[in-house]
């Protein structure tokens, strides 16, 4: 199975992600390979102890990212042969814009919410390295059509650096690790999901998250429970 990424934080778009991408590159495999050669050894060495601690071989068969806006954390979970999804580590979110609540249109300072795929890796990002997500997707466009909305925005990235306008900045080393991990594991079918639209979306997220570990697997002593926002939890409990 190819990797899946899910994130529950909202990422706002203000005329696209100005921090991660100007201009939009054509991501060539050679350029990606050059970045993997440059950053791969260090990134894999930093990830190795986390994989060893849970007994999962690198690269994993699939991986998931769970992002939490209030906690400003991005959690990495992986699965290998014969292993369920297991918490590996968390990354602090160093920069992001927007507040809790759904993204409705370009420039609203809010975050897209749903389940998204990685559509490409950007080795030429002005924010070091970035992973591009497929917002808006079919679900976003369907909801927008029902509401009579257009101009939904786009160019949503998870990227390096410590500042972002419309995307999520996780620092250069963290971006290197996720960029290399995505390339090594196979990035073309990854998913990202965030945290607050309407009850229907919360039910969908809850159903997807039911397949993930209910708690972080402890690697250090600072164990933190993986949880949905209260509204999402309430919606899922009331669903049939």
C-alpha atoms as a PDB file:
ATOM      1  CA  UNK A   1       0.000   0.000   0.000  1.00  0.00           C
ATOM      2  CA  UNK A   2       1.291   3.473  -0.837  1.00  0.00           C
ATOM      3  CA  UNK A   3       1.718   6.018   1.965  1.00  0.00           C
ATOM      4  CA  UNK A   4      -1.182   8.020   3.327  1.00  0.00           C
ATOM      5  CA  UNK A   5      -0.876  11.357   5.072  1.00  0.00           C
ATOM      6  CA  UNK A   6      -3.602  12.781   7.264  1.00  0.00           C
ATOM      7  CA  UNK A   7      -3.402  16.130   9.007  1.00  0.00           C
ATOM      8  CA  UNK A   8      -6.074  17.644  11.213  1.00  0.00           C
ATOM      9  CA  UNK A   9      -4.824  21.212  11.398  1.00  0.00           C
ATOM     10  CA  UNK A  10      -6.200  23.854   9.074  1.00  0.00           C
ATOM     11  CA  UNK A  11      -3.885  25.540   6.593  1.00  0.00           C
ATOM     12  CA  UNK A  12      -4.989  28.895   5.221  1.00  0.00           C
ATOM     13  CA  UNK A  13      -4.339  30.091   1.697  1.00  0.00           C
ATOM     14  CA  UNK A  14      -3.729  33.763   1.008  1.00  0.00           C
ATOM     15  CA  UNK A  15      -3.293  34.007  -2.747  1.00  0.00           C
ATOM     16  CA  UNK A  16      -1.576  30.653  -2.619  1.00  0.00           C
ATOM     17  CA  UNK A  17       1.266  29.699  -0.325  1.00  0.00           C
ATOM     18  CA  UNK A  18       3.650  32.616  -0.687  1.00  0.00           C
ATOM     19  CA  UNK A  19       6.294  31.079   1.567  1.00  0.00           C
ATOM     20  CA  UNK A  20       6.727  27.765  -0.184  1.00  0.00           C
ATOM     21  CA  UNK A  21       6.520  28.287  -3.896  1.00  0.00           C
ATOM     22  CA  UNK A  22       7.424  31.142  -6.264  1.00  0.00           C
ATOM     23  CA  UNK A  23       7.222  30.369  -9.096  1.00  0.00           C
ATOM     24  CA  UNK A  24       5.568  26.958  -9.299  1.00  0.00           C
ATOM     25  CA  UNK A  25       8.269  24.534 -10.468  1.00  0.00           C
ATOM     26  CA  UNK A  26       8.002  21.518 -12.689  1.00  0.00           C
ATOM     27  CA  UNK A  27       9.283  18.886 -10.253  1.00  0.00           C
ATOM     28  CA  UNK A  28      11.728  16.738 -12.210  1.00  0.00           C
ATOM     29  CA  UNK A  29      12.793  13.372 -10.893  1.00  0.00           C
ATOM     30  CA  UNK A  30      16.435  14.368 -11.353  1.00  0.00           C
ATOM     31  CA  UNK A  31      16.014  17.440  -9.148  1.00  0.00           C
ATOM     32  CA  UNK A  32      14.269  15.334  -6.498  1.00  0.00           C
ATOM     33  CA  UNK A  33      17.041  12.749  -6.726  1.00  0.00           C
ATOM     34  CA  UNK A  34      19.621  15.489  -6.198  1.00  0.00           C
ATOM     35  CA  UNK A  35      17.875  16.616  -3.020  1.00  0.00           C
ATOM     36  CA  UNK A  36      17.611  13.018  -1.807  1.00  0.00           C
ATOM     37  CA  UNK A  37      21.336  12.578  -2.394  1.00  0.00           C
ATOM     38  CA  UNK A  38      21.999  15.825  -0.541  1.00  0.00           C
ATOM     39  CA  UNK A  39      19.682  15.417   2.450  1.00  0.00           C
ATOM     40  CA  UNK A  40      18.875  11.700   2.466  1.00  0.00           C
ATOM     41  CA  UNK A  41      21.789  10.400   4.571  1.00  0.00           C
ATOM     42  CA  UNK A  42      21.216  12.902   7.373  1.00  0.00           C
ATOM     43  CA  UNK A  43      17.432  12.570   7.330  1.00  0.00           C
ATOM     44  CA  UNK A  44      17.545   8.767   7.400  1.00  0.00           C
ATOM     45  CA  UNK A  45      20.102   8.823  10.221  1.00  0.00           C
ATOM     46  CA  UNK A  46      17.842  11.081  12.302  1.00  0.00           C
ATOM     47  CA  UNK A  47      14.800   8.880  11.644  1.00  0.00           C
ATOM     48  CA  UNK A  48      16.592   5.568  12.259  1.00  0.00           C
ATOM     49  CA  UNK A  49      16.370   5.543  16.096  1.00  0.00           C
ATOM     50  CA  UNK A  50      12.631   6.203  15.986  1.00  0.00           C
ATOM     51  CA  UNK A  51      12.030   3.296  13.607  1.00  0.00           C
ATOM     52  CA  UNK A  52      14.334   1.041  15.623  1.00  0.00           C
ATOM     53  CA  UNK A  53      12.462   1.888  18.823  1.00  0.00           C
ATOM     54  CA  UNK A  54       9.214   0.441  17.434  1.00  0.00           C
ATOM     55  CA  UNK A  55      10.764  -2.383  15.400  1.00  0.00           C
ATOM     56  CA  UNK A  56       9.605  -1.174  11.983  1.00  0.00           C
ATOM     57  CA  UNK A  57      11.942  -1.315   8.998  1.00  0.00           C
ATOM     58  CA  UNK A  58      12.724   1.818   7.018  1.00  0.00           C
ATOM     59  CA  UNK A  59      11.219   2.831   4.675  1.00  0.00           C
ATOM     60  CA  UNK A  60       7.740   1.949   5.929  1.00  0.00           C
ATOM     61  CA  UNK A  61       5.000   0.506   3.752  1.00  0.00           C
ATOM     62  CA  UNK A  62       2.860   3.540   4.525  1.00  0.00           C
ATOM     63  CA  UNK A  63       2.879   6.571   6.761  1.00  0.00           C
ATOM     64  CA  UNK A  64       0.409   9.072   8.145  1.00  0.00           C
ATOM     65  CA  UNK A  65       0.799  12.626   9.394  1.00  0.00           C
ATOM     66  CA  UNK A  66      -1.672  13.874  11.978  1.00  0.00           C
ATOM     67  CA  UNK A  67      -1.547  17.622  12.499  1.00  0.00           C
ATOM     68  CA  UNK A  68      -2.970  19.333  15.563  1.00  0.00           C
ATOM     69  CA  UNK A  69      -3.535  23.054  15.330  1.00  0.00           C
ATOM     70  CA  UNK A  70      -4.075  23.840  19.007  1.00  0.00           C
ATOM     71  CA  UNK A  71      -1.003  21.857  20.043  1.00  0.00           C
ATOM     72  CA  UNK A  72       0.926  23.053  16.970  1.00  0.00           C
ATOM     73  CA  UNK A  73       2.281  19.567  16.420  1.00  0.00           C
ATOM     74  CA  UNK A  74       2.583  17.242  13.452  1.00  0.00           C
ATOM     75  CA  UNK A  75       2.641  13.563  14.442  1.00  0.00           C
ATOM     76  CA  UNK A  76       4.260  10.915  12.248  1.00  0.00           C
ATOM     77  CA  UNK A  77       2.815   7.392  12.275  1.00  0.00           C
ATOM     78  CA  UNK A  78       4.154   4.541  10.157  1.00  0.00           C
ATOM     79  CA  UNK A  79       3.198   0.969   9.302  1.00  0.00           C
ATOM     80  CA  UNK A  80       5.392  -1.885   8.134  1.00  0.00           C
ATOM     81  CA  UNK A  81       4.882  -5.508   7.203  1.00  0.00           C
ATOM     82  CA  UNK A  82       2.819  -7.093   9.962  1.00  0.00           C
ATOM     83  CA  UNK A  83       2.587  -3.824  11.888  1.00  0.00           C
ATOM     84  CA  UNK A  84      -0.366  -1.519  12.474  1.00  0.00           C
ATOM     85  CA  UNK A  85       0.116   2.233  12.268  1.00  0.00           C
ATOM     86  CA  UNK A  86       2.470   3.182  15.079  1.00  0.00           C
ATOM     87  CA  UNK A  87       3.460   6.584  16.435  1.00  0.00           C
ATOM     88  CA  UNK A  88       7.054   7.427  15.580  1.00  0.00           C
ATOM     89  CA  UNK A  89       7.622  11.033  16.566  1.00  0.00           C
ATOM     90  CA  UNK A  90       6.150  14.531  16.572  1.00  0.00           C
ATOM     91  CA  UNK A  91       7.349  17.715  14.904  1.00  0.00           C
ATOM     92  CA  UNK A  92       6.593  21.201  16.244  1.00  0.00           C
ATOM     93  CA  UNK A  93       4.751  23.407  13.776  1.00  0.00           C
ATOM     94  CA  UNK A  94       6.924  26.503  13.635  1.00  0.00           C
ATOM     95  CA  UNK A  95       4.713  28.681  11.493  1.00  0.00           C
ATOM     96  CA  UNK A  96       1.174  28.639  10.136  1.00  0.00           C
ATOM     97  CA  UNK A  97      -1.657  31.073   9.570  1.00  0.00           C
ATOM     98  CA  UNK A  98      -5.399  30.959  10.115  1.00  0.00           C
ATOM     99  CA  UNK A  99      -7.588  30.006  13.060  1.00  0.00           C
ATOM    100  CA  UNK A 100      -9.782  27.044  13.961  1.00  0.00           C
ATOM    101  CA  UNK A 101     -12.581  26.725  11.432  1.00  0.00           C
ATOM    102  CA  UNK A 102     -13.146  25.776   7.786  1.00  0.00           C
ATOM    103  CA  UNK A 103     -11.536  27.319   4.740  1.00  0.00           C
ATOM    104  CA  UNK A 104     -14.202  28.709   2.437  1.00  0.00           C
ATOM    105  CA  UNK A 105     -12.336  30.680  -0.230  1.00  0.00           C
ATOM    106  CA  UNK A 106      -8.977  32.044  -1.280  1.00  0.00           C
ATOM    107  CA  UNK A 107      -7.714  34.808   0.971  1.00  0.00           C
ATOM    108  CA  UNK A 108      -9.969  34.051   3.964  1.00  0.00           C
ATOM    109  CA  UNK A 109      -6.988  33.209   6.162  1.00  0.00           C
ATOM    110  CA  UNK A 110      -8.447  29.803   6.975  1.00  0.00           C
ATOM    111  CA  UNK A 111      -7.472  26.201   6.524  1.00  0.00           C
ATOM    112  CA  UNK A 112      -8.670  23.518   4.095  1.00  0.00           C
ATOM    113  CA  UNK A 113     -10.323  20.605   5.853  1.00  0.00           C
ATOM    114  CA  UNK A 114     -10.650  17.139   4.409  1.00  0.00           C
ATOM    115  CA  UNK A 115      -8.537  14.238   3.222  1.00  0.00           C
ATOM    116  CA  UNK A 116      -5.849  15.188   0.731  1.00  0.00           C
ATOM    117  CA  UNK A 117      -3.165  13.569  -1.380  1.00  0.00           C
ATOM    118  CA  UNK A 118       0.419  14.592  -1.965  1.00  0.00           C
ATOM    119  CA  UNK A 119       0.553  15.619  -5.605  1.00  0.00           C
ATOM    120  CA  UNK A 120       4.258  16.390  -5.837  1.00  0.00           C
ATOM    121  CA  UNK A 121       7.472  17.001  -3.935  1.00  0.00           C
ATOM    122  CA  UNK A 122       9.019  20.411  -4.557  1.00  0.00           C
ATOM    123  CA  UNK A 123      12.829  20.239  -4.464  1.00  0.00           C
ATOM    124  CA  UNK A 124      13.110  23.921  -5.464  1.00  0.00           C
ATOM    125  CA  UNK A 125      11.030  25.538  -2.730  1.00  0.00           C
ATOM    126  CA  UNK A 126      12.122  28.931  -1.434  1.00  0.00           C
ATOM    127  CA  UNK A 127      11.244  27.464   1.973  1.00  0.00           C
ATOM    128  CA  UNK A 128      13.928  24.768   1.630  1.00  0.00           C
ATOM    129  CA  UNK A 129      11.798  21.720   0.632  1.00  0.00           C
ATOM    130  CA  UNK A 130       8.049  21.238   0.435  1.00  0.00           C
ATOM    131  CA  UNK A 131       5.323  18.645  -0.067  1.00  0.00           C
ATOM    132  CA  UNK A 132       2.349  19.838  -2.127  1.00  0.00           C
ATOM    133  CA  UNK A 133      -1.225  18.778  -1.308  1.00  0.00           C
ATOM    134  CA  UNK A 134      -4.232  18.499  -3.598  1.00  0.00           C
ATOM    135  CA  UNK A 135      -6.489  21.135  -2.036  1.00  0.00           C
ATOM    136  CA  UNK A 136      -9.114  21.806  -3.307  1.00  0.00           C
ATOM    137  CA  UNK A 137     -10.193  18.243  -3.979  1.00  0.00           C
ATOM    138  CA  UNK A 138     -13.511  16.886  -5.256  1.00  0.00           C
ATOM    139  CA  UNK A 139     -15.091  17.067  -1.798  1.00  0.00           C
ATOM    140  CA  UNK A 140     -14.090  20.726  -1.392  1.00  0.00           C
ATOM    141  CA  UNK A 141     -15.447  21.605  -4.824  1.00  0.00           C
ATOM    142  CA  UNK A 142     -18.723  19.784  -4.180  1.00  0.00           C
ATOM    143  CA  UNK A 143     -19.277  21.617  -0.896  1.00  0.00           C
ATOM    144  CA  UNK A 144     -18.342  24.922  -2.526  1.00  0.00           C
ATOM    145  CA  UNK A 145     -20.814  24.352  -5.375  1.00  0.00           C
ATOM    146  CA  UNK A 146     -23.576  23.653  -2.854  1.00  0.00           C
ATOM    147  CA  UNK A 147     -22.766  26.949  -1.102  1.00  0.00           C
ATOM    148  CA  UNK A 148     -22.328  28.946  -4.301  1.00  0.00           C
ATOM    149  CA  UNK A 149     -18.660  29.601  -3.555  1.00  0.00           C
ATOM    150  CA  UNK A 150     -15.785  29.793  -6.026  1.00  0.00           C
ATOM    151  CA  UNK A 151     -12.080  30.805  -5.987  1.00  0.00           C
ATOM    152  CA  UNK A 152     -11.176  28.278  -3.306  1.00  0.00           C
ATOM    153  CA  UNK A 153      -7.418  28.878  -3.376  1.00  0.00           C
ATOM    154  CA  UNK A 154      -4.660  26.309  -3.706  1.00  0.00           C
ATOM    155  CA  UNK A 155      -0.905  25.685  -3.492  1.00  0.00           C
ATOM    156  CA  UNK A 156      -1.085  24.172   0.000  1.00  0.00           C
ATOM    157  CA  UNK A 157       2.324  23.055   1.231  1.00  0.00           C
ATOM    158  CA  UNK A 158       4.073  21.491   4.183  1.00  0.00           C
ATOM    159  CA  UNK A 159       7.513  23.093   4.020  1.00  0.00           C
ATOM    160  CA  UNK A 160      10.716  24.096   5.761  1.00  0.00           C
ATOM    161  CA  UNK A 161      11.533  27.374   7.435  1.00  0.00           C
ATOM    162  CA  UNK A 162       9.792  28.937  10.410  1.00  0.00           C
ATOM    163  CA  UNK A 163       7.298  31.295   8.751  1.00  0.00           C
ATOM    164  CA  UNK A 164       4.378  30.691   6.421  1.00  0.00           C
ATOM    165  CA  UNK A 165       1.534  32.601   4.829  1.00  0.00           C
ATOM    166  CA  UNK A 166      -1.108  30.025   4.041  1.00  0.00           C
ATOM    167  CA  UNK A 167       0.883  26.839   4.551  1.00  0.00           C
ATOM    168  CA  UNK A 168       2.595  24.981   7.392  1.00  0.00           C
ATOM    169  CA  UNK A 169       6.257  25.545   8.246  1.00  0.00           C
ATOM    170  CA  UNK A 170       7.934  22.758  10.214  1.00  0.00           C
ATOM    171  CA  UNK A 171      11.597  23.783  10.024  1.00  0.00           C
ATOM    172  CA  UNK A 172      14.267  22.712   7.569  1.00  0.00           C
ATOM    173  CA  UNK A 173      15.379  19.460   9.227  1.00  0.00           C
ATOM    174  CA  UNK A 174      11.793  18.256   9.675  1.00  0.00           C
ATOM    175  CA  UNK A 175      11.021  19.116   6.049  1.00  0.00           C
ATOM    176  CA  UNK A 176      14.088  17.140   4.983  1.00  0.00           C
ATOM    177  CA  UNK A 177      12.929  14.107   6.963  1.00  0.00           C
ATOM    178  CA  UNK A 178       9.397  14.130   5.538  1.00  0.00           C
ATOM    179  CA  UNK A 179      10.602  14.894   2.000  1.00  0.00           C
ATOM    180  CA  UNK A 180      13.068  11.993   2.107  1.00  0.00           C
ATOM    181  CA  UNK A 181      10.566   9.688   3.826  1.00  0.00           C
ATOM    182  CA  UNK A 182       7.910  10.445   1.207  1.00  0.00           C
ATOM    183  CA  UNK A 183      10.368   9.839  -1.622  1.00  0.00           C
ATOM    184  CA  UNK A 184      11.681   6.615  -0.085  1.00  0.00           C
ATOM    185  CA  UNK A 185       8.229   5.237   0.774  1.00  0.00           C
ATOM    186  CA  UNK A 186       6.515   6.369  -2.434  1.00  0.00           C
ATOM    187  CA  UNK A 187       4.785   9.750  -2.315  1.00  0.00           C
ATOM    188  CA  UNK A 188       2.221   9.502  -5.119  1.00  0.00           C
ATOM    189  CA  UNK A 189      -0.736   8.372  -3.023  1.00  0.00           C
ATOM    190  CA  UNK A 190      -0.427  10.220   0.259  1.00  0.00           C
ATOM    191  CA  UNK A 191      -3.196  11.916   2.199  1.00  0.00           C
ATOM    192  CA  UNK A 192      -3.572  14.877   4.496  1.00  0.00           C
ATOM    193  CA  UNK A 193      -6.649  15.793   6.499  1.00  0.00           C
ATOM    194  CA  UNK A 194      -7.408  18.672   8.910  1.00  0.00           C
ATOM    195  CA  UNK A 195      -9.970  19.583  11.479  1.00  0.00           C
ATOM    196  CA  UNK A 196     -13.203  21.526  11.193  1.00  0.00           C
ATOM    197  CA  UNK A 197     -15.839  21.897   8.536  1.00  0.00           C
ATOM    198  CA  UNK A 198     -19.282  20.465   8.916  1.00  0.00           C
ATOM    199  CA  UNK A 199     -20.603  17.442  10.743  1.00  0.00           C
ATOM    200  CA  UNK A 200     -20.423  15.296   7.610  1.00  0.00           C
ATOM    201  CA  UNK A 201     -16.719  15.991   7.231  1.00  0.00           C
ATOM    202  CA  UNK A 202     -16.060  15.288  10.897  1.00  0.00           C
ATOM    203  CA  UNK A 203     -17.797  11.933  10.544  1.00  0.00           C
ATOM    204  CA  UNK A 204     -15.606  11.112   7.550  1.00  0.00           C
ATOM    205  CA  UNK A 205     -12.464  12.120   9.436  1.00  0.00           C
ATOM    206  CA  UNK A 206     -13.511  10.153  12.490  1.00  0.00           C
ATOM    207  CA  UNK A 207     -14.110   7.062  10.361  1.00  0.00           C
ATOM    208  CA  UNK A 208     -10.671   7.452   8.778  1.00  0.00           C
ATOM    209  CA  UNK A 209      -8.963   8.042  12.119  1.00  0.00           C
ATOM    210  CA  UNK A 210     -10.589   4.967  13.659  1.00  0.00           C
ATOM    211  CA  UNK A 211      -7.946   2.978  11.763  1.00  0.00           C
ATOM    212  CA  UNK A 212      -5.108   4.810  13.512  1.00  0.00           C
ATOM    213  CA  UNK A 213      -3.687   4.160  16.990  1.00  0.00           C
ATOM    214  CA  UNK A 214      -5.812   5.829  19.659  1.00  0.00           C
ATOM    215  CA  UNK A 215      -2.699   7.054  21.440  1.00  0.00           C
ATOM    216  CA  UNK A 216       0.824   7.933  20.548  1.00  0.00           C
ATOM    217  CA  UNK A 217       3.240   5.050  20.964  1.00  0.00           C
ATOM    218  CA  UNK A 218       5.762   6.231  23.519  1.00  0.00           C
ATOM    219  CA  UNK A 219       9.291   6.922  22.302  1.00  0.00           C
ATOM    220  CA  UNK A 220      10.165   9.383  25.050  1.00  0.00           C
ATOM    221  CA  UNK A 221       8.487  10.129  28.354  1.00  0.00           C
ATOM    222  CA  UNK A 222       6.346  12.967  26.994  1.00  0.00           C
ATOM    223  CA  UNK A 223       3.407  10.849  25.780  1.00  0.00           C
ATOM    224  CA  UNK A 224       0.490  12.860  24.391  1.00  0.00           C
ATOM    225  CA  UNK A 225      -2.862  11.407  23.322  1.00  0.00           C
ATOM    226  CA  UNK A 226      -3.930  11.762  19.708  1.00  0.00           C
ATOM    227  CA  UNK A 227      -7.355  13.398  19.737  1.00  0.00           C
ATOM    228  CA  UNK A 228      -9.858  15.124  17.514  1.00  0.00           C
ATOM    229  CA  UNK A 229     -11.264  18.569  18.300  1.00  0.00           C
ATOM    230  CA  UNK A 230     -14.320  18.421  20.571  1.00  0.00           C
ATOM    231  CA  UNK A 231     -16.720  19.269  17.762  1.00  0.00           C
ATOM    232  CA  UNK A 232     -15.410  16.426  15.638  1.00  0.00           C
ATOM    233  CA  UNK A 233     -15.726  13.962  18.502  1.00  0.00           C
ATOM    234  CA  UNK A 234     -19.271  15.068  19.256  1.00  0.00           C
ATOM    235  CA  UNK A 235     -20.253  14.745  15.612  1.00  0.00           C
ATOM    236  CA  UNK A 236     -18.858  11.251  15.395  1.00  0.00           C
ATOM    237  CA  UNK A 237     -20.695  10.137  18.522  1.00  0.00           C
ATOM    238  CA  UNK A 238     -24.012  11.327  17.133  1.00  0.00           C
ATOM    239  CA  UNK A 239     -23.518   9.653  13.772  1.00  0.00           C
ATOM    240  CA  UNK A 240     -25.433   6.406  13.094  1.00  0.00           C
END
